[in-house]
Amino acid sequence: QVQLVESGGGLVQAGGSLRLSCAASGSTSTINIIAWYRQAPGKQREMVANISSGGSTMYADPVKGRFTISRDNTKNTVYLQMDSLKPEDTAVYLCNADFWIHNTLLEAWGQGTQVTVSS
């Protein structure tokens, strides 16, 4: 199994920056893709960015050019650098991992970290 723990959320003014961390433990060698999602009150959960085991990245249109996802395999940690933050970025940010166990693709979620951007 894989366990995920997020950190780095907080309160920031519009235009500011935050860096979120997602630390993975357990069967980390089986992880395929790690993604950041966010969920704002009253809205559906949406994918923000993801990174594959090979380092390929994808971003949702609202965050392109402002957010950067990266991974440090030596620390089993994925980061989300968020710059030029906007009030509409306010949400709970959750880390998600797809991983293989006995030829079955499973997923794990972290508990989430709150990001609040004030105008």
N, C-alpha and C. Protein backbone atom coordinates (compact mmCIF):
# COMPACT_ATOMS: atom_id res chain seq x y z
N GLN A 1 0.84 -1.19 0.00
CA GLN A 1 0.00 0.00 0.00
C GLN A 1 0.88 1.25 0.00
N VAL A 2 0.23 2.37 -0.28
CA VAL A 2 0.91 3.66 -0.31
C VAL A 2 0.17 4.62 0.60
N GLN A 3 0.92 5.37 1.38
CA GLN A 3 0.34 6.40 2.23
C GLN A 3 0.90 7.75 1.78
N LEU A 4 0.02 8.77 1.84
CA LEU A 4 0.39 10.12 1.39
C LEU A 4 0.09 11.12 2.49
N VAL A 5 1.02 12.05 2.70
CA VAL A 5 0.82 13.11 3.69
C VAL A 5 1.17 14.43 3.04
N GLU A 6 0.20 15.35 3.00
CA GLU A 6 0.42 16.67 2.43
C GLU A 6 0.81 17.67 3.52
N SER A 7 1.52 18.69 3.10
CA SER A 7 1.86 19.79 3.99
C SER A 7 2.12 21.03 3.16
N GLY A 8 2.17 22.17 3.82
CA GLY A 8 2.55 23.41 3.14
C GLY A 8 1.42 24.38 2.87
N GLY A 9 0.19 23.99 3.19
CA GLY A 9 -0.90 24.91 2.95
C GLY A 9 -0.86 26.08 3.92
N GLY A 10 -1.75 27.05 3.69
CA GLY A 10 -1.81 28.20 4.56
C GLY A 10 -2.59 29.33 3.95
N LEU A 11 -2.45 30.49 4.57
CA LEU A 11 -3.13 31.70 4.12
C LEU A 11 -2.11 32.61 3.44
N VAL A 12 -2.45 33.08 2.25
CA VAL A 12 -1.54 33.94 1.51
C VAL A 12 -2.36 34.99 0.77
N GLN A 13 -1.76 36.14 0.54
CA GLN A 13 -2.44 37.19 -0.22
C GLN A 13 -2.37 36.89 -1.71
N ALA A 14 -3.32 37.43 -2.43
CA ALA A 14 -3.31 37.28 -3.89
C ALA A 14 -1.99 37.78 -4.45
N GLY A 15 -1.46 37.03 -5.40
CA GLY A 15 -0.17 37.33 -5.98
C GLY A 15 0.99 36.64 -5.29
N GLY A 16 0.72 36.04 -4.13
CA GLY A 16 1.77 35.38 -3.39
C GLY A 16 2.02 33.96 -3.86
N SER A 17 2.87 33.27 -3.11
CA SER A 17 3.28 31.91 -3.47
C SER A 17 3.20 30.97 -2.28
N LEU A 18 3.00 29.72 -2.57
CA LEU A 18 3.07 28.65 -1.58
C LEU A 18 3.67 27.42 -2.26
N ARG A 19 4.31 26.58 -1.48
CA ARG A 19 4.79 25.30 -1.99
C ARG A 19 4.20 24.19 -1.15
N LEU A 20 3.45 23.32 -1.80
CA LEU A 20 2.88 22.17 -1.14
C LEU A 20 3.80 20.96 -1.32
N SER A 21 3.80 20.11 -0.32
CA SER A 21 4.57 18.87 -0.38
C SER A 21 3.65 17.68 -0.17
N CYS A 22 3.94 16.60 -0.86
CA CYS A 22 3.23 15.34 -0.71
C CYS A 22 4.27 14.26 -0.49
N ALA A 23 4.36 13.78 0.74
CA ALA A 23 5.33 12.75 1.08
C ALA A 23 4.68 11.38 1.01
N ALA A 24 5.28 10.50 0.24
CA ALA A 24 4.75 9.15 0.07
C ALA A 24 5.55 8.16 0.89
N SER A 25 4.87 7.15 1.41
CA SER A 25 5.54 6.06 2.13
C SER A 25 4.85 4.75 1.77
N GLY A 26 5.48 3.66 2.14
CA GLY A 26 4.94 2.34 1.81
C GLY A 26 5.57 1.83 0.53
N SER A 27 4.76 1.29 -0.35
CA SER A 27 5.24 0.69 -1.60
C SER A 27 5.47 1.76 -2.66
N THR A 28 6.38 2.67 -2.39
CA THR A 28 6.57 3.83 -3.27
C THR A 28 7.13 3.45 -4.63
N SER A 29 7.82 2.32 -4.71
CA SER A 29 8.39 1.91 -6.00
C SER A 29 7.32 1.50 -7.00
N THR A 30 6.10 1.28 -6.51
CA THR A 30 5.00 0.86 -7.40
C THR A 30 4.17 2.03 -7.90
N ILE A 31 4.52 3.25 -7.47
CA ILE A 31 3.72 4.42 -7.85
C ILE A 31 3.91 4.73 -9.33
N ASN A 32 2.81 4.98 -10.02
CA ASN A 32 2.85 5.33 -11.43
C ASN A 32 2.74 6.84 -11.60
N ILE A 33 1.64 7.40 -11.20
CA ILE A 33 1.40 8.83 -11.34
C ILE A 33 1.00 9.40 -9.99
N ILE A 34 1.53 10.57 -9.69
CA ILE A 34 1.08 11.33 -8.52
C ILE A 34 0.46 12.62 -9.03
N ALA A 35 -0.69 12.95 -8.47
CA ALA A 35 -1.43 14.13 -8.91
C ALA A 35 -1.85 14.97 -7.72
N TRP A 36 -1.99 16.25 -7.99
CA TRP A 36 -2.60 17.16 -7.03
C TRP A 36 -4.01 17.49 -7.53
N TYR A 37 -4.96 17.36 -6.62
CA TYR A 37 -6.34 17.76 -6.89
C TYR A 37 -6.68 18.89 -5.91
N ARG A 38 -7.77 19.57 -6.21
CA ARG A 38 -8.27 20.55 -5.25
C ARG A 38 -9.79 20.51 -5.25
N GLN A 39 -10.33 20.87 -4.09
CA GLN A 39 -11.78 20.92 -3.95
C GLN A 39 -12.16 22.14 -3.15
N ALA A 40 -12.91 23.01 -3.80
CA ALA A 40 -13.41 24.21 -3.15
C ALA A 40 -14.83 23.94 -2.66
N PRO A 41 -15.29 24.68 -1.66
CA PRO A 41 -16.65 24.47 -1.13
C PRO A 41 -17.70 24.59 -2.23
N GLY A 42 -18.56 23.58 -2.32
CA GLY A 42 -19.63 23.61 -3.29
C GLY A 42 -19.23 23.29 -4.70
N LYS A 43 -17.96 22.93 -4.90
CA LYS A 43 -17.49 22.62 -6.25
C LYS A 43 -16.97 21.19 -6.32
N GLN A 44 -16.92 20.67 -7.54
CA GLN A 44 -16.39 19.33 -7.73
C GLN A 44 -14.88 19.32 -7.58
N ARG A 45 -14.38 18.18 -7.18
CA ARG A 45 -12.93 18.01 -7.10
C ARG A 45 -12.35 18.07 -8.51
N GLU A 46 -11.25 18.77 -8.68
CA GLU A 46 -10.63 18.89 -9.99
C GLU A 46 -9.14 18.61 -9.91
N MET A 47 -8.63 18.02 -10.97
CA MET A 47 -7.21 17.74 -11.04
C MET A 47 -6.47 19.04 -11.36
N VAL A 48 -5.41 19.30 -10.64
CA VAL A 48 -4.62 20.51 -10.84
C VAL A 48 -3.39 20.23 -11.68
N ALA A 49 -2.66 19.19 -11.30
CA ALA A 49 -1.43 18.84 -12.02
C ALA A 49 -1.07 17.40 -11.68
N ASN A 50 -0.36 16.75 -12.59
CA ASN A 50 0.16 15.42 -12.26
C ASN A 50 1.53 15.23 -12.86
N ILE A 51 2.22 14.23 -12.32
CA ILE A 51 3.57 13.92 -12.78
C ILE A 51 3.72 12.41 -12.79
N SER A 52 4.27 11.90 -13.87
CA SER A 52 4.45 10.46 -13.99
C SER A 52 5.76 10.03 -13.37
N SER A 53 5.94 8.71 -13.29
CA SER A 53 7.18 8.18 -12.75
C SER A 53 8.37 8.57 -13.63
N GLY A 54 8.10 8.83 -14.91
CA GLY A 54 9.16 9.24 -15.82
C GLY A 54 9.40 10.73 -15.84
N GLY A 55 8.55 11.49 -15.11
CA GLY A 55 8.75 12.93 -15.03
C GLY A 55 7.87 13.76 -15.95
N SER A 56 7.02 13.12 -16.74
CA SER A 56 6.11 13.87 -17.60
C SER A 56 5.06 14.57 -16.74
N THR A 57 4.71 15.79 -17.14
CA THR A 57 3.78 16.57 -16.34
C THR A 57 2.57 17.02 -17.16
N MET A 58 1.47 17.25 -16.46
CA MET A 58 0.26 17.79 -17.07
C MET A 58 -0.33 18.79 -16.10
N TYR A 59 -0.95 19.82 -16.65
CA TYR A 59 -1.54 20.87 -15.83
C TYR A 59 -2.95 21.19 -16.31
N ALA A 60 -3.80 21.53 -15.37
CA ALA A 60 -5.12 22.04 -15.74
C ALA A 60 -4.96 23.45 -16.29
N ASP A 61 -5.83 23.81 -17.21
CA ASP A 61 -5.71 25.12 -17.85
C ASP A 61 -5.67 26.30 -16.87
N PRO A 62 -6.49 26.29 -15.80
CA PRO A 62 -6.49 27.46 -14.90
C PRO A 62 -5.17 27.72 -14.19
N VAL A 63 -4.29 26.72 -14.14
CA VAL A 63 -3.04 26.89 -13.38
C VAL A 63 -1.81 26.89 -14.26
N LYS A 64 -1.99 26.68 -15.56
CA LYS A 64 -0.83 26.65 -16.45
C LYS A 64 -0.08 27.97 -16.40
N GLY A 65 1.23 27.87 -16.28
CA GLY A 65 2.07 29.05 -16.22
C GLY A 65 2.22 29.62 -14.83
N ARG A 66 1.43 29.14 -13.87
CA ARG A 66 1.51 29.64 -12.50
C ARG A 66 1.96 28.56 -11.52
N PHE A 67 1.57 27.31 -11.76
CA PHE A 67 1.91 26.20 -10.88
C PHE A 67 2.95 25.31 -11.54
N THR A 68 3.82 24.73 -10.71
CA THR A 68 4.83 23.79 -11.21
C THR A 68 4.86 22.57 -10.31
N ILE A 69 4.71 21.40 -10.91
CA ILE A 69 4.79 20.15 -10.15
C ILE A 69 6.15 19.53 -10.38
N SER A 70 6.72 18.97 -9.34
CA SER A 70 8.03 18.33 -9.46
C SER A 70 8.11 17.19 -8.44
N ARG A 71 9.10 16.33 -8.61
CA ARG A 71 9.24 15.23 -7.67
C ARG A 71 10.69 15.01 -7.32
N ASP A 72 10.94 14.62 -6.08
CA ASP A 72 12.26 14.26 -5.60
C ASP A 72 12.17 12.79 -5.21
N ASN A 73 12.65 11.93 -6.09
CA ASN A 73 12.53 10.49 -5.85
C ASN A 73 13.36 10.04 -4.66
N THR A 74 14.41 10.77 -4.33
CA THR A 74 15.24 10.38 -3.19
C THR A 74 14.49 10.58 -1.88
N LYS A 75 13.52 11.50 -1.90
CA LYS A 75 12.74 11.77 -0.69
C LYS A 75 11.32 11.25 -0.81
N ASN A 76 11.00 10.61 -1.93
CA ASN A 76 9.62 10.13 -2.18
C ASN A 76 8.61 11.25 -1.96
N THR A 77 8.93 12.41 -2.48
CA THR A 77 8.09 13.59 -2.26
C THR A 77 7.81 14.29 -3.58
N VAL A 78 6.57 14.71 -3.72
CA VAL A 78 6.15 15.52 -4.86
C VAL A 78 5.79 16.90 -4.36
N TYR A 79 6.19 17.91 -5.12
CA TYR A 79 5.95 19.29 -4.73
C TYR A 79 5.02 19.97 -5.73
N LEU A 80 4.27 20.93 -5.22
CA LEU A 80 3.48 21.80 -6.08
C LEU A 80 3.83 23.23 -5.72
N GLN A 81 4.61 23.87 -6.58
CA GLN A 81 4.95 25.27 -6.40
C GLN A 81 3.85 26.10 -7.02
N MET A 82 3.24 26.93 -6.20
CA MET A 82 2.10 27.74 -6.66
C MET A 82 2.49 29.21 -6.58
N ASP A 83 2.56 29.86 -7.72
CA ASP A 83 2.91 31.27 -7.81
C ASP A 83 1.73 32.06 -8.36
N SER A 84 1.80 33.38 -8.18
CA SER A 84 0.74 34.27 -8.67
C SER A 84 -0.64 33.77 -8.26
N LEU A 85 -0.76 33.44 -7.00
CA LEU A 85 -2.01 32.85 -6.51
C LEU A 85 -3.16 33.84 -6.61
N LYS A 86 -4.34 33.29 -6.87
CA LYS A 86 -5.56 34.06 -7.00
C LYS A 86 -6.58 33.59 -5.96
N PRO A 87 -7.53 34.44 -5.61
CA PRO A 87 -8.55 33.99 -4.65
C PRO A 87 -9.29 32.73 -5.11
N GLU A 88 -9.44 32.57 -6.40
CA GLU A 88 -10.13 31.37 -6.90
C GLU A 88 -9.31 30.09 -6.76
N ASP A 89 -8.06 30.22 -6.34
CA ASP A 89 -7.24 29.03 -6.04
C ASP A 89 -7.53 28.49 -4.64
N THR A 90 -8.32 29.20 -3.88
CA THR A 90 -8.67 28.76 -2.53
C THR A 90 -9.41 27.42 -2.57
N ALA A 91 -8.88 26.45 -1.84
CA ALA A 91 -9.45 25.10 -1.85
C ALA A 91 -8.66 24.22 -0.89
N VAL A 92 -9.18 23.03 -0.66
CA VAL A 92 -8.39 21.98 -0.02
C VAL A 92 -7.64 21.26 -1.14
N TYR A 93 -6.35 21.17 -0.99
CA TYR A 93 -5.51 20.51 -2.00
C TYR A 93 -5.16 19.11 -1.50
N LEU A 94 -5.40 18.14 -2.36
CA LEU A 94 -5.20 16.73 -1.99
C LEU A 94 -4.23 16.07 -2.95
N CYS A 95 -3.42 15.21 -2.41
CA CYS A 95 -2.47 14.44 -3.18
C CYS A 95 -3.07 13.06 -3.48
N ASN A 96 -2.83 12.60 -4.69
CA ASN A 96 -3.37 11.30 -5.12
C ASN A 96 -2.27 10.52 -5.83
N ALA A 97 -2.22 9.22 -5.57
CA ALA A 97 -1.22 8.38 -6.24
C ALA A 97 -1.88 7.14 -6.81
N ASP A 98 -1.51 6.81 -8.06
CA ASP A 98 -1.87 5.53 -8.65
C ASP A 98 -0.70 4.59 -8.46
N PHE A 99 -0.97 3.37 -7.98
CA PHE A 99 0.12 2.44 -7.77
C PHE A 99 -0.34 1.02 -8.06
N TRP A 100 0.62 0.16 -8.37
CA TRP A 100 0.33 -1.22 -8.76
C TRP A 100 0.62 -2.17 -7.60
N ILE A 101 -0.35 -3.03 -7.31
CA ILE A 101 -0.18 -4.11 -6.35
C ILE A 101 -0.74 -5.38 -6.99
N HIS A 102 0.13 -6.37 -7.21
CA HIS A 102 -0.31 -7.65 -7.80
C HIS A 102 -1.09 -7.41 -9.09
N ASN A 103 -0.53 -6.61 -9.98
CA ASN A 103 -1.12 -6.33 -11.29
C ASN A 103 -2.47 -5.63 -11.22
N THR A 104 -2.78 -5.04 -10.09
CA THR A 104 -4.02 -4.28 -9.92
C THR A 104 -3.66 -2.82 -9.66
N LEU A 105 -4.28 -1.92 -10.41
CA LEU A 105 -4.01 -0.50 -10.22
C LEU A 105 -4.92 0.03 -9.11
N LEU A 106 -4.30 0.55 -8.08
CA LEU A 106 -5.04 1.10 -6.94
C LEU A 106 -4.73 2.58 -6.82
N GLU A 107 -5.44 3.25 -5.93
CA GLU A 107 -5.12 4.64 -5.70
C GLU A 107 -5.16 4.96 -4.21
N ALA A 108 -4.38 5.96 -3.85
CA ALA A 108 -4.32 6.43 -2.48
C ALA A 108 -4.54 7.94 -2.46
N TRP A 109 -5.11 8.43 -1.37
CA TRP A 109 -5.34 9.85 -1.19
C TRP A 109 -4.74 10.31 0.13
N GLY A 110 -4.24 11.52 0.12
CA GLY A 110 -3.83 12.12 1.37
C GLY A 110 -5.03 12.77 2.05
N GLN A 111 -4.77 13.39 3.20
CA GLN A 111 -5.86 13.97 3.97
C GLN A 111 -6.20 15.38 3.51
N GLY A 112 -5.32 16.00 2.75
CA GLY A 112 -5.57 17.33 2.23
C GLY A 112 -4.93 18.42 3.07
N THR A 113 -4.66 19.54 2.42
CA THR A 113 -4.13 20.71 3.10
C THR A 113 -4.86 21.95 2.56
N GLN A 114 -5.25 22.83 3.46
CA GLN A 114 -6.05 23.99 3.09
C GLN A 114 -5.17 25.10 2.54
N VAL A 115 -5.58 25.64 1.41
CA VAL A 115 -4.94 26.82 0.83
C VAL A 115 -6.00 27.91 0.74
N THR A 116 -5.71 29.04 1.34
CA THR A 116 -6.63 30.17 1.31
C THR A 116 -5.90 31.38 0.76
N VAL A 117 -6.46 31.96 -0.30
CA VAL A 117 -5.86 33.14 -0.93
C VAL A 117 -6.79 34.32 -0.73
N SER A 118 -6.31 35.32 -0.04
CA SER A 118 -7.13 36.50 0.24
C SER A 118 -6.92 37.56 -0.83
N SER A 119 -7.97 38.32 -1.08
CA SER A 119 -7.89 39.35 -2.13
C SER A 119 -7.42 40.67 -1.57
